[in-house]
Amino acid sequence: MTIGHGYKAKYDYVELTVERREDHWRLSLRDGRHGEEAEDDERYETPAEAQDAALALAHFHINIQHNDTLLTHAVLSWQEY
């Protein structure tokens, strides 16, 4: 269950979210193009650790799972919510 504090970033056609869960942070991905949602299995100690892992999760989802070509540069801009 989320507490309502986290960070969001958009990369190509996926939205990445880092949220506080009890004593750790979780990374999730939402793919509006394919109607999918995925959560990283890893538990992160800090939001920065989860944010560092986010680009790799997005690349894997776009390149490997959907065999799509990435349209944007490897930069994420995080917004707090």
C-alpha atoms as a PDB file:
ATOM      1  CA  MET A   1       0.000   0.000   0.000  1.00  0.00           C
ATOM      2  CA  THR A   2       1.382   3.397  -0.953  1.00  0.00           C
ATOM      3  CA  ILE A   3       1.506   6.303   1.466  1.00  0.00           C
ATOM      4  CA  GLY A   4       1.037   8.978  -1.220  1.00  0.00           C
ATOM      5  CA  HIS A   5       4.569  10.247  -1.646  1.00  0.00           C
ATOM      6  CA  GLY A   6       6.736   9.474  -4.605  1.00  0.00           C
ATOM      7  CA  TYR A   7       8.265  10.505  -7.900  1.00  0.00           C
ATOM      8  CA  LYS A   8       7.183  10.151 -11.530  1.00  0.00           C
ATOM      9  CA  ALA A   9       9.058  10.352 -14.804  1.00  0.00           C
ATOM     10  CA  LYS A  10       8.094   9.706 -18.398  1.00  0.00           C
ATOM     11  CA  TYR A  11      10.393   7.891 -20.789  1.00  0.00           C
ATOM     12  CA  ASP A  12       9.298   7.414 -24.380  1.00  0.00           C
ATOM     13  CA  TYR A  13       5.801   5.907 -24.008  1.00  0.00           C
ATOM     14  CA  VAL A  14       6.144   4.543 -20.461  1.00  0.00           C
ATOM     15  CA  GLU A  15       5.583   6.232 -17.123  1.00  0.00           C
ATOM     16  CA  LEU A  16       7.909   5.306 -14.265  1.00  0.00           C
ATOM     17  CA  THR A  17       6.927   5.717 -10.628  1.00  0.00           C
ATOM     18  CA  VAL A  18       8.989   5.477  -7.448  1.00  0.00           C
ATOM     19  CA  GLU A  19       6.828   5.188  -4.334  1.00  0.00           C
ATOM     20  CA  ARG A  20       7.411   4.821  -0.627  1.00  0.00           C
ATOM     21  CA  ARG A  21       6.105   1.537   0.780  1.00  0.00           C
ATOM     22  CA  GLU A  22       6.411   1.111   4.532  1.00  0.00           C
ATOM     23  CA  ASP A  23      10.197   0.813   5.071  1.00  0.00           C
ATOM     24  CA  HIS A  24      11.384   0.761   1.445  1.00  0.00           C
ATOM     25  CA  TRP A  25      10.887   2.262  -2.031  1.00  0.00           C
ATOM     26  CA  ARG A  26       9.396   0.491  -5.068  1.00  0.00           C
ATOM     27  CA  LEU A  27       9.773   1.120  -8.782  1.00  0.00           C
ATOM     28  CA  SER A  28       6.884   0.539 -11.173  1.00  0.00           C
ATOM     29  CA  LEU A  29       6.260   1.045 -14.864  1.00  0.00           C
ATOM     30  CA  ARG A  30       3.017   1.850 -16.688  1.00  0.00           C
ATOM     31  CA  ASP A  31       2.841   1.318 -20.453  1.00  0.00           C
ATOM     32  CA  GLY A  32      -0.098   3.196 -21.948  1.00  0.00           C
ATOM     33  CA  ARG A  33       0.604   1.999 -25.475  1.00  0.00           C
ATOM     34  CA  HIS A  34       0.316  -1.697 -24.628  1.00  0.00           C
ATOM     35  CA  GLY A  35      -1.950  -1.363 -21.587  1.00  0.00           C
ATOM     36  CA  GLU A  36       0.541  -2.962 -19.212  1.00  0.00           C
ATOM     37  CA  GLU A  37       1.790  -2.320 -15.708  1.00  0.00           C
ATOM     38  CA  ALA A  38       4.845  -3.884 -14.099  1.00  0.00           C
ATOM     39  CA  GLU A  39       6.536  -3.571 -10.727  1.00  0.00           C
ATOM     40  CA  ASP A  40      10.215  -4.168 -10.132  1.00  0.00           C
ATOM     41  CA  ASP A  41      10.791  -7.002  -7.640  1.00  0.00           C
ATOM     42  CA  GLU A  42      13.632  -5.119  -5.949  1.00  0.00           C
ATOM     43  CA  ARG A  43      13.134  -3.213  -2.681  1.00  0.00           C
ATOM     44  CA  TYR A  44      15.171  -0.018  -2.590  1.00  0.00           C
ATOM     45  CA  GLU A  45      16.498   1.739   0.496  1.00  0.00           C
ATOM     46  CA  THR A  46      16.270   5.219  -1.050  1.00  0.00           C
ATOM     47  CA  PRO A  47      14.291   6.817  -3.863  1.00  0.00           C
ATOM     48  CA  ALA A  48      17.566   7.629  -5.629  1.00  0.00           C
ATOM     49  CA  GLU A  49      18.441   3.921  -5.842  1.00  0.00           C
ATOM     50  CA  ALA A  50      15.059   3.179  -7.423  1.00  0.00           C
ATOM     51  CA  GLN A  51      15.435   6.118  -9.806  1.00  0.00           C
ATOM     52  CA  ASP A  52      18.858   4.841 -10.862  1.00  0.00           C
ATOM     53  CA  ALA A  53      17.304   1.471 -11.774  1.00  0.00           C
ATOM     54  CA  ALA A  54      14.374   3.008 -13.669  1.00  0.00           C
ATOM     55  CA  LEU A  55      16.103   3.599 -17.002  1.00  0.00           C
ATOM     56  CA  ALA A  56      17.217  -0.037 -17.228  1.00  0.00           C
ATOM     57  CA  LEU A  57      13.651  -1.197 -16.488  1.00  0.00           C
ATOM     58  CA  ALA A  58      12.262   1.103 -19.199  1.00  0.00           C
ATOM     59  CA  HIS A  59      14.876  -0.040 -21.748  1.00  0.00           C
ATOM     60  CA  PHE A  60      14.169  -3.702 -21.010  1.00  0.00           C
ATOM     61  CA  HIS A  61      10.422  -3.201 -21.309  1.00  0.00           C
ATOM     62  CA  ILE A  62      10.599  -1.231 -24.560  1.00  0.00           C
ATOM     63  CA  ASN A  63      13.518  -2.953 -26.335  1.00  0.00           C
ATOM     64  CA  ILE A  64      13.260  -6.562 -25.163  1.00  0.00           C
ATOM     65  CA  GLN A  65       9.647  -7.181 -24.224  1.00  0.00           C
ATOM     66  CA  HIS A  66       8.140  -5.231 -27.124  1.00  0.00           C
ATOM     67  CA  ASN A  67      11.038  -5.109 -29.602  1.00  0.00           C
ATOM     68  CA  ASP A  68      10.377  -1.395 -30.067  1.00  0.00           C
ATOM     69  CA  THR A  69      12.905   1.266 -30.988  1.00  0.00           C
ATOM     70  CA  LEU A  70      13.574   3.894 -28.346  1.00  0.00           C
ATOM     71  CA  LEU A  71      12.604   7.366 -29.502  1.00  0.00           C
ATOM     72  CA  THR A  72      14.115   9.494 -26.753  1.00  0.00           C
ATOM     73  CA  HIS A  73      17.505  10.067 -25.182  1.00  0.00           C
ATOM     74  CA  ALA A  74      18.535   8.334 -21.976  1.00  0.00           C
ATOM     75  CA  VAL A  75      17.423  11.155 -19.659  1.00  0.00           C
ATOM     76  CA  LEU A  76      14.752  11.051 -16.974  1.00  0.00           C
ATOM     77  CA  SER A  77      13.300  14.113 -15.334  1.00  0.00           C
ATOM     78  CA  TRP A  78      11.656  13.203 -12.022  1.00  0.00           C
ATOM     79  CA  GLN A  79       8.682  15.125 -10.622  1.00  0.00           C
ATOM     80  CA  GLU A  80       7.705  14.801  -6.984  1.00  0.00           C
ATOM     81  CA  TYR A  81       4.041  14.188  -6.164  1.00  0.00           C
END
